[in-house]
Each structure stands twice: as C-alpha cells, then as structure tokens.
Amino acid sequence: MEKKDNTPIKISSISELHSMLQLPKPLHPLVSLVDNTKMIVHKEFLDRSFYLNFYKISYKFSKNGKMGYGQGYYDFNEGGMMFTAPGQILSTEADTSYCGYTLLVHPDFIRTYPLAKSIKKFGFFSYDTNEALHLSDQEKTTITGLLDNIMNELNTAIDEVSQDVIISYIEVLLNYSNRFYKRQFITRKAVNNDLLSKMETILDDYFNRQETLTKGLPTVEFLASEMNLSPHYLSDMLRNLTGQNAQQHIHEKLIEKAKEYLTGTSFSVSEVAYALGFEHPQSFNKLFKKKMEVTPLGYKQSFN
C-alpha cells in the first residue's frame, strides 16, 4: 500500500493558490478576494495540508464544511471568521464545501505601510480553529460590506491610490474584527469563567504535585495546551476577563505559592526558588520584589 505523503504543500504566491484551486488569475498579484463557491480542489490535493506564505482572512458558512488548523477542525455550520498569518499550516477534508469569502494578502502588499507592523498586534491571527469569530447578523453586514468594498476596488482600474484604499479597508476590517472578538469574550463570559476556574485548578495541581521539580516553571504554552486553547486566545480571553494575561496569572500563582513556602516551611530563599521551578534564585528574587515590593528574605523575616 502506497504511503500517504503528509508533507505540507508550500504555496508562495497568491497566483499559485489561484491556479491550484482552478480559479481565474487574481486581479492583483499581491491581494485577492475569492468567492469560496468558485474553488475547485483537485483530488490530489484533498486531505493534504498547506503552508501559505501570505495572510488569509476567511468568512465562511456551510452545511458540511470543515477547515483544519494545527491539530483541530472547525465546523462552519453556523459561520465564522478565521485569520491565519504567513507560515501557518492549514488543511481541508475531502467532503468540505462552504460558502463565503476568502481575502488573501501578501506581506509585500503592506510592507511599506504602517499596517505591516500593526498587523502583528492582532492576536487572532494565531488563534486555533475552535476559537473562530462568530458574527451576529449586524456584524455579518459590516464584514460583508467591507469585503464588497474591497472587491469593488479590485474590479476598478488600478491607479496611484488603489493600494491606499484597499489597505484602508483591510485595516478597518481588522479593527472591526478585533471589536467583535472583544464582544465575543463578553457574551461568552460564563464559559470563560469556567475556563478561568479550570486554569486555576491546573496551576494548583501543577504546584501541589511538585511538577516544578522536574518540568520547571509552568508556561503559557503548557496552560494553553492543557485547556485546548491557543496561547494567544488564552491570554486575550484572560485580559478581557480579568485585566491580566496568562503570564501575569502564572506569576500571581507563583507569588502565592512562594508566600506559602516562605511562611510555612523552614526553606531558605534558594530552596523556595528551586521548589517553584526557578533555575536561578536571582530570577525568583527579582520577580518577588517586583510584585511584593520586598525581597523574599525580607518577607520571610517579617513573619519571624
């Protein structure tokens, strides 16, 4: 039996992707807006993963579509938006067919604009499939209106301001998406509170089982993996819920456990640092003093 090739297919240009999906040549070599119903995937590309060298912003809805990202799949029955940055791995299932639009933007299109730097602040480009943006009817109208504007501009003869106008629309699209994600964090507050409780339990168990001795300090990546979330989504969710990101929550738990060791055991400061997973006591001293405005030794002595 022939072994299946699982090597991701690297796609460097938007024109290359159009050709692979049997679409007409893009109206612009560095930016394209695709009607997903016009895509035709050849059987040799089915159930394969892809490595794209450009940004991909998708609004999709379907009765039977699934899009893979990383280790998971997102079901588009209710519709949603997904954002992927260059270098991320995507995949589709053989029975996937969905409606909607896909905006493709090559980094070279925005390279000389402020957007080239500011686009990195939008953490949702690193979210997983189960963290897609679900839109209300009003939000759908806003997003589809912006996509229509981009399509109209692409269909207009290119002039000296075409790129400025399209990039302006893309910036507005990203800012609205950011606003809608913040709304989603609020409307799903009950679910997110459950996630917060789960995170606290994971951290408590990590310290209580003294996994710090063998695995070191808990990381944001560890927490996200345990909660089946992406690191960026976890931090953004926590920031909207509590005002602190995931790393700050870990630091709070570290300080809490440090105070227990300093007041409830005979451990030296170095032994406390080691028990918490720090490689160097100096790093523990620096973090503790920053958070408590007193050194660990000073804190310990204040209880004697």
Protein backbone atom coordinates (compact mmCIF):
# COMPACT_ATOMS: atom_id res chain seq x y z
CA MET A 1 0.00 0.00 0.00
CA GLU A 2 1.38 3.38 -1.01
CA LYS A 3 2.24 5.58 1.95
CA LYS A 4 0.37 8.88 2.08
CA ASP A 5 2.51 12.00 1.71
CA ASN A 6 1.89 14.20 4.76
CA THR A 7 4.39 16.89 3.80
CA PRO A 8 2.68 20.31 3.73
CA ILE A 9 2.41 21.85 0.28
CA LYS A 10 4.16 25.23 0.29
CA ILE A 11 2.32 27.95 -1.62
CA SER A 12 4.41 31.08 -2.04
CA SER A 13 2.19 33.30 -4.17
CA ILE A 14 -1.49 34.14 -4.46
CA SER A 15 -1.34 33.33 -8.18
CA GLU A 16 -0.08 29.84 -7.31
CA LEU A 17 -3.03 29.27 -4.97
CA HIS A 18 -5.49 30.50 -7.62
CA SER A 19 -4.03 28.04 -10.09
CA MET A 20 -4.24 25.18 -7.60
CA LEU A 21 -7.91 25.99 -6.86
CA GLN A 22 -8.67 26.34 -10.60
CA LEU A 23 -9.60 29.99 -10.19
CA PRO A 24 -9.01 32.78 -12.74
CA LYS A 25 -5.79 34.74 -12.35
CA PRO A 26 -6.01 37.24 -9.46
CA LEU A 27 -6.88 40.82 -10.38
CA HIS A 28 -3.84 41.92 -8.37
CA PRO A 29 -0.77 39.71 -7.80
CA LEU A 30 -0.50 40.61 -4.09
CA VAL A 31 -4.13 40.74 -2.94
CA SER A 32 -7.22 38.76 -3.86
CA LEU A 33 -10.79 38.25 -2.67
CA VAL A 34 -12.16 34.82 -3.54
CA ASP A 35 -15.72 33.53 -3.64
CA ASN A 36 -15.33 30.16 -1.92
CA THR A 37 -18.05 28.53 -4.02
CA LYS A 38 -15.82 29.01 -7.10
CA MET A 39 -12.97 26.96 -5.65
CA ILE A 40 -12.30 23.56 -7.21
CA VAL A 41 -9.79 21.39 -5.37
CA HIS A 42 -8.18 18.65 -7.46
CA LYS A 43 -8.31 15.21 -5.87
CA GLU A 44 -4.51 15.08 -5.48
CA PHE A 45 -4.76 17.99 -3.02
CA LEU A 46 -7.61 16.59 -0.93
CA ASP A 47 -6.81 15.74 2.69
CA ARG A 48 -3.45 17.50 2.36
CA SER A 49 -2.05 20.30 4.49
CA PHE A 50 -0.81 23.61 3.12
CA TYR A 51 1.81 26.15 4.14
CA LEU A 52 0.80 29.61 2.94
CA ASN A 53 3.23 32.49 2.55
CA PHE A 54 0.57 35.18 2.94
CA TYR A 55 -2.27 36.34 5.21
CA LYS A 56 -5.63 34.61 4.87
CA ILE A 57 -8.86 36.11 6.26
CA SER A 58 -11.93 33.96 5.76
CA TYR A 59 -15.62 34.44 6.37
CA LYS A 60 -17.28 31.06 5.84
CA PHE A 61 -20.59 29.33 6.41
CA SER A 62 -21.67 25.88 5.29
CA LYS A 63 -23.78 22.82 5.92
CA ASN A 64 -20.92 20.37 5.81
CA GLY A 65 -17.64 22.23 5.74
CA LYS A 66 -14.63 21.71 7.98
CA MET A 67 -11.32 23.54 7.92
CA GLY A 68 -8.29 22.13 9.66
CA TYR A 69 -5.75 24.25 11.53
CA GLY A 70 -2.96 22.69 13.55
CA GLN A 71 -4.39 19.63 15.29
CA GLY A 72 -8.08 20.62 15.17
CA TYR A 73 -11.02 21.18 12.85
CA TYR A 74 -13.59 23.94 12.88
CA ASP A 75 -17.17 23.25 11.78
CA PHE A 76 -18.57 26.13 9.73
CA ASN A 77 -22.26 25.17 10.03
CA GLU A 78 -23.04 28.41 11.86
CA GLY A 79 -20.50 30.51 10.03
CA GLY A 80 -17.47 32.31 11.33
CA MET A 81 -14.24 34.12 10.60
CA MET A 82 -10.73 32.73 10.74
CA PHE A 83 -7.43 34.56 10.46
CA THR A 84 -4.10 32.95 9.58
CA ALA A 85 -0.69 34.55 9.18
CA PRO A 86 2.12 33.51 6.81
CA GLY A 87 3.78 30.26 7.82
CA GLN A 88 0.78 28.57 9.44
CA ILE A 89 -0.38 25.10 8.42
CA LEU A 90 -3.91 24.64 7.02
CA SER A 91 -5.80 21.61 5.77
CA THR A 92 -9.21 20.65 4.37
CA GLU A 93 -11.26 17.47 4.42
CA ALA A 94 -12.35 15.76 1.23
CA ASP A 95 -16.07 16.44 1.80
CA THR A 96 -15.59 20.14 2.55
CA SER A 97 -17.72 22.65 0.65
CA TYR A 98 -18.69 26.00 2.07
CA CYS A 99 -19.94 29.42 1.10
CA GLY A 100 -18.33 32.72 1.93
CA TYR A 101 -15.26 34.71 1.01
CA THR A 102 -11.52 34.48 1.49
CA LEU A 103 -9.26 37.53 1.46
CA LEU A 104 -5.62 36.82 0.62
CA VAL A 105 -2.98 39.46 1.33
CA HIS A 106 0.71 39.01 0.57
CA PRO A 107 3.08 40.68 3.09
CA ASP A 108 4.68 42.62 0.22
CA PHE A 109 1.35 44.40 -0.39
CA ILE A 110 1.51 46.11 3.02
CA ARG A 111 5.28 46.15 3.55
CA THR A 112 5.77 49.93 3.14
CA TYR A 113 2.65 50.82 5.16
CA PRO A 114 2.20 51.13 8.96
CA LEU A 115 -0.12 48.09 8.72
CA ALA A 116 2.96 45.88 8.17
CA LYS A 117 3.85 46.45 11.85
CA SER A 118 0.42 46.98 13.38
CA ILE A 119 -0.99 43.75 11.91
CA LYS A 120 1.15 41.86 14.43
CA LYS A 121 -0.89 43.30 17.32
CA PHE A 122 -3.96 41.35 16.21
CA GLY A 123 -3.53 38.17 18.25
CA PHE A 124 -6.40 36.40 16.48
CA PHE A 125 -4.04 35.57 13.61
CA SER A 126 -2.64 32.92 15.98
CA TYR A 127 -5.95 31.55 17.27
CA ASP A 128 -6.94 27.92 16.69
CA THR A 129 -9.96 26.73 14.71
CA ASN A 130 -12.15 26.25 17.79
CA GLU A 131 -11.55 29.95 18.55
CA ALA A 132 -13.12 31.31 15.35
CA LEU A 133 -15.05 34.58 15.45
CA HIS A 134 -18.83 34.08 15.38
CA LEU A 135 -20.69 37.07 13.97
CA SER A 136 -24.11 38.47 14.79
CA ASP A 137 -26.36 39.41 11.86
CA GLN A 138 -25.40 43.05 12.22
CA GLU A 139 -21.72 42.17 12.38
CA LYS A 140 -22.06 39.99 9.27
CA THR A 141 -23.49 43.01 7.43
CA THR A 142 -20.50 45.11 8.47
CA ILE A 143 -17.94 42.49 7.41
CA THR A 144 -19.59 41.61 4.10
CA GLY A 145 -19.94 45.33 3.33
CA LEU A 146 -16.20 45.83 3.77
CA LEU A 147 -15.44 42.77 1.64
CA ASP A 148 -17.75 44.13 -1.07
CA ASN A 149 -15.85 47.42 -0.98
CA ILE A 150 -12.54 45.59 -1.42
CA MET A 151 -13.97 43.59 -4.32
CA ASN A 152 -15.28 46.74 -5.99
CA GLU A 153 -11.87 48.37 -5.66
CA LEU A 154 -10.12 45.33 -7.14
CA ASN A 155 -12.53 45.39 -10.08
CA THR A 156 -11.77 49.07 -10.68
CA ALA A 157 -8.88 50.07 -12.91
CA ILE A 158 -5.71 50.26 -10.79
CA ASP A 159 -4.45 53.80 -10.19
CA GLU A 160 -1.99 55.53 -7.87
CA VAL A 161 -4.35 55.40 -4.85
CA SER A 162 -5.81 51.90 -5.31
CA GLN A 163 -3.38 50.32 -2.86
CA ASP A 164 -4.01 53.04 -0.26
CA VAL A 165 -7.77 52.49 -0.46
CA ILE A 166 -7.60 48.68 -0.25
CA ILE A 167 -5.20 48.79 2.69
CA SER A 168 -7.52 51.24 4.45
CA TYR A 169 -10.39 48.78 4.04
CA ILE A 170 -8.22 45.93 5.35
CA GLU A 171 -7.30 47.98 8.43
CA VAL A 172 -10.95 48.76 9.11
CA LEU A 173 -11.82 45.08 8.64
CA LEU A 174 -9.19 44.06 11.20
CA ASN A 175 -10.25 46.72 13.70
CA TYR A 176 -13.89 45.65 13.44
CA SER A 177 -12.83 42.02 13.86
CA ASN A 178 -10.93 43.00 16.98
CA ARG A 179 -14.02 44.77 18.33
CA PHE A 180 -16.22 41.76 17.56
CA TYR A 181 -13.79 39.40 19.30
CA LYS A 182 -13.93 41.60 22.39
CA ARG A 183 -17.74 41.38 22.22
CA GLN A 184 -17.45 37.60 21.92
CA PHE A 185 -15.31 37.43 25.05
CA ILE A 186 -18.04 39.35 26.91
CA THR A 187 -21.03 37.38 25.59
CA ARG A 188 -19.26 34.13 26.43
CA LYS A 189 -18.32 35.29 29.92
CA ALA A 190 -19.95 32.31 31.64
CA VAL A 191 -17.93 29.88 29.51
CA ASN A 192 -14.77 31.92 30.04
CA ASN A 193 -15.30 31.93 33.82
CA ASP A 194 -15.38 28.14 33.66
CA LEU A 195 -12.11 28.23 31.72
CA LEU A 196 -10.62 30.53 34.35
CA SER A 197 -11.58 28.05 37.10
CA LYS A 198 -10.10 25.21 35.07
CA MET A 199 -6.84 27.14 34.63
CA GLU A 200 -6.61 27.77 38.38
CA THR A 201 -7.10 24.05 39.03
CA ILE A 202 -4.39 23.13 36.51
CA LEU A 203 -1.93 25.53 38.15
CA ASP A 204 -2.81 24.33 41.65
CA ASP A 205 -2.31 20.71 40.62
CA TYR A 206 0.98 21.56 38.91
CA PHE A 207 2.40 23.06 42.11
CA ASN A 208 0.79 20.60 44.53
CA ARG A 209 2.25 17.64 42.62
CA GLN A 210 5.59 19.48 42.62
CA GLU A 211 5.92 19.12 38.88
CA THR A 212 8.12 22.22 39.07
CA LEU A 213 10.95 19.98 40.28
CA THR A 214 11.03 18.01 37.02
CA LYS A 215 9.38 20.32 34.48
CA GLY A 216 10.36 23.75 35.75
CA LEU A 217 8.13 26.81 35.77
CA PRO A 218 4.67 26.44 34.20
CA THR A 219 4.47 28.23 30.85
CA VAL A 220 1.67 29.88 28.91
CA GLU A 221 2.11 27.20 26.23
CA PHE A 222 1.65 24.46 28.84
CA LEU A 223 -1.53 26.04 30.18
CA ALA A 224 -2.98 26.59 26.72
CA SER A 225 -2.25 23.00 25.73
CA GLU A 226 -3.92 21.66 28.88
CA MET A 227 -7.00 23.77 28.13
CA ASN A 228 -7.10 23.01 24.38
CA LEU A 229 -6.66 26.68 23.53
CA SER A 230 -4.04 28.64 21.65
CA PRO A 231 -1.66 30.73 23.80
CA HIS A 232 -2.82 33.99 22.20
CA TYR A 233 -6.50 33.21 22.69
CA LEU A 234 -5.94 32.23 26.32
CA SER A 235 -4.10 35.48 27.06
CA ASP A 236 -6.63 37.64 25.21
CA MET A 237 -9.55 35.90 26.93
CA LEU A 238 -7.98 36.40 30.36
CA ARG A 239 -7.09 40.02 29.64
CA ASN A 240 -10.70 40.78 28.73
CA LEU A 241 -12.00 38.81 31.73
CA THR A 242 -9.57 39.84 34.47
CA GLY A 243 -7.33 42.57 33.04
CA GLN A 244 -4.30 40.25 33.20
CA ASN A 245 -2.79 38.00 30.56
CA ALA A 246 -1.83 34.34 31.05
CA GLN A 247 1.77 35.10 32.04
CA GLN A 248 0.59 37.51 34.73
CA HIS A 249 -1.77 34.85 36.12
CA ILE A 250 1.13 32.39 36.32
CA HIS A 251 3.22 34.99 38.15
CA GLU A 252 0.39 35.60 40.63
CA LYS A 253 0.18 31.88 41.35
CA LEU A 254 3.98 31.72 41.75
CA ILE A 255 3.93 34.54 44.30
CA GLU A 256 1.04 32.90 46.15
CA LYS A 257 2.94 29.59 46.42
CA ALA A 258 6.16 31.43 47.30
CA LYS A 259 4.47 33.11 50.26
CA GLU A 260 3.23 29.71 51.46
CA TYR A 261 6.77 28.30 51.35
CA LEU A 262 8.34 31.39 52.96
CA THR A 263 5.91 31.49 55.89
CA GLY A 264 5.00 27.83 56.31
CA THR A 265 8.32 26.00 55.91
CA SER A 266 11.92 26.31 57.01
CA PHE A 267 13.09 26.54 53.37
CA SER A 268 15.76 29.08 52.55
CA VAL A 269 15.04 31.55 49.75
CA SER A 270 17.16 29.47 47.36
CA GLU A 271 15.25 26.31 48.30
CA VAL A 272 11.93 28.10 47.70
CA ALA A 273 13.16 29.25 44.29
CA TYR A 274 14.17 25.68 43.42
CA ALA A 275 10.85 24.25 44.66
CA LEU A 276 8.96 26.69 42.43
CA GLY A 277 10.93 25.72 39.34
CA PHE A 278 13.38 28.62 39.04
CA GLU A 279 16.81 27.74 37.71
CA HIS A 280 18.37 30.77 39.36
CA PRO A 281 17.37 32.24 42.77
CA GLN A 282 18.16 35.71 41.41
CA SER A 283 15.25 35.43 38.96
CA PHE A 284 12.90 34.48 41.79
CA ASN A 285 14.17 37.36 43.93
CA LYS A 286 13.62 39.83 41.09
CA LEU A 287 10.05 38.67 40.38
CA PHE A 288 9.06 38.53 44.05
CA LYS A 289 10.42 42.02 44.80
CA LYS A 290 8.69 43.43 41.71
CA LYS A 291 5.33 42.01 42.78
CA MET A 292 5.58 42.43 46.57
CA GLU A 293 7.93 45.45 46.86
CA VAL A 294 10.01 43.49 49.33
CA THR A 295 12.64 40.76 48.90
CA PRO A 296 11.70 37.13 49.67
CA LEU A 297 14.12 37.19 52.62
CA GLY A 298 12.59 40.41 53.93
CA TYR A 299 9.10 38.92 53.58
CA LYS A 300 10.17 35.75 55.43
CA GLN A 301 11.84 37.69 58.23
CA SER A 302 8.73 39.85 58.74
CA PHE A 303 6.92 36.72 59.99
CA ASN A 304 9.61 35.70 62.45
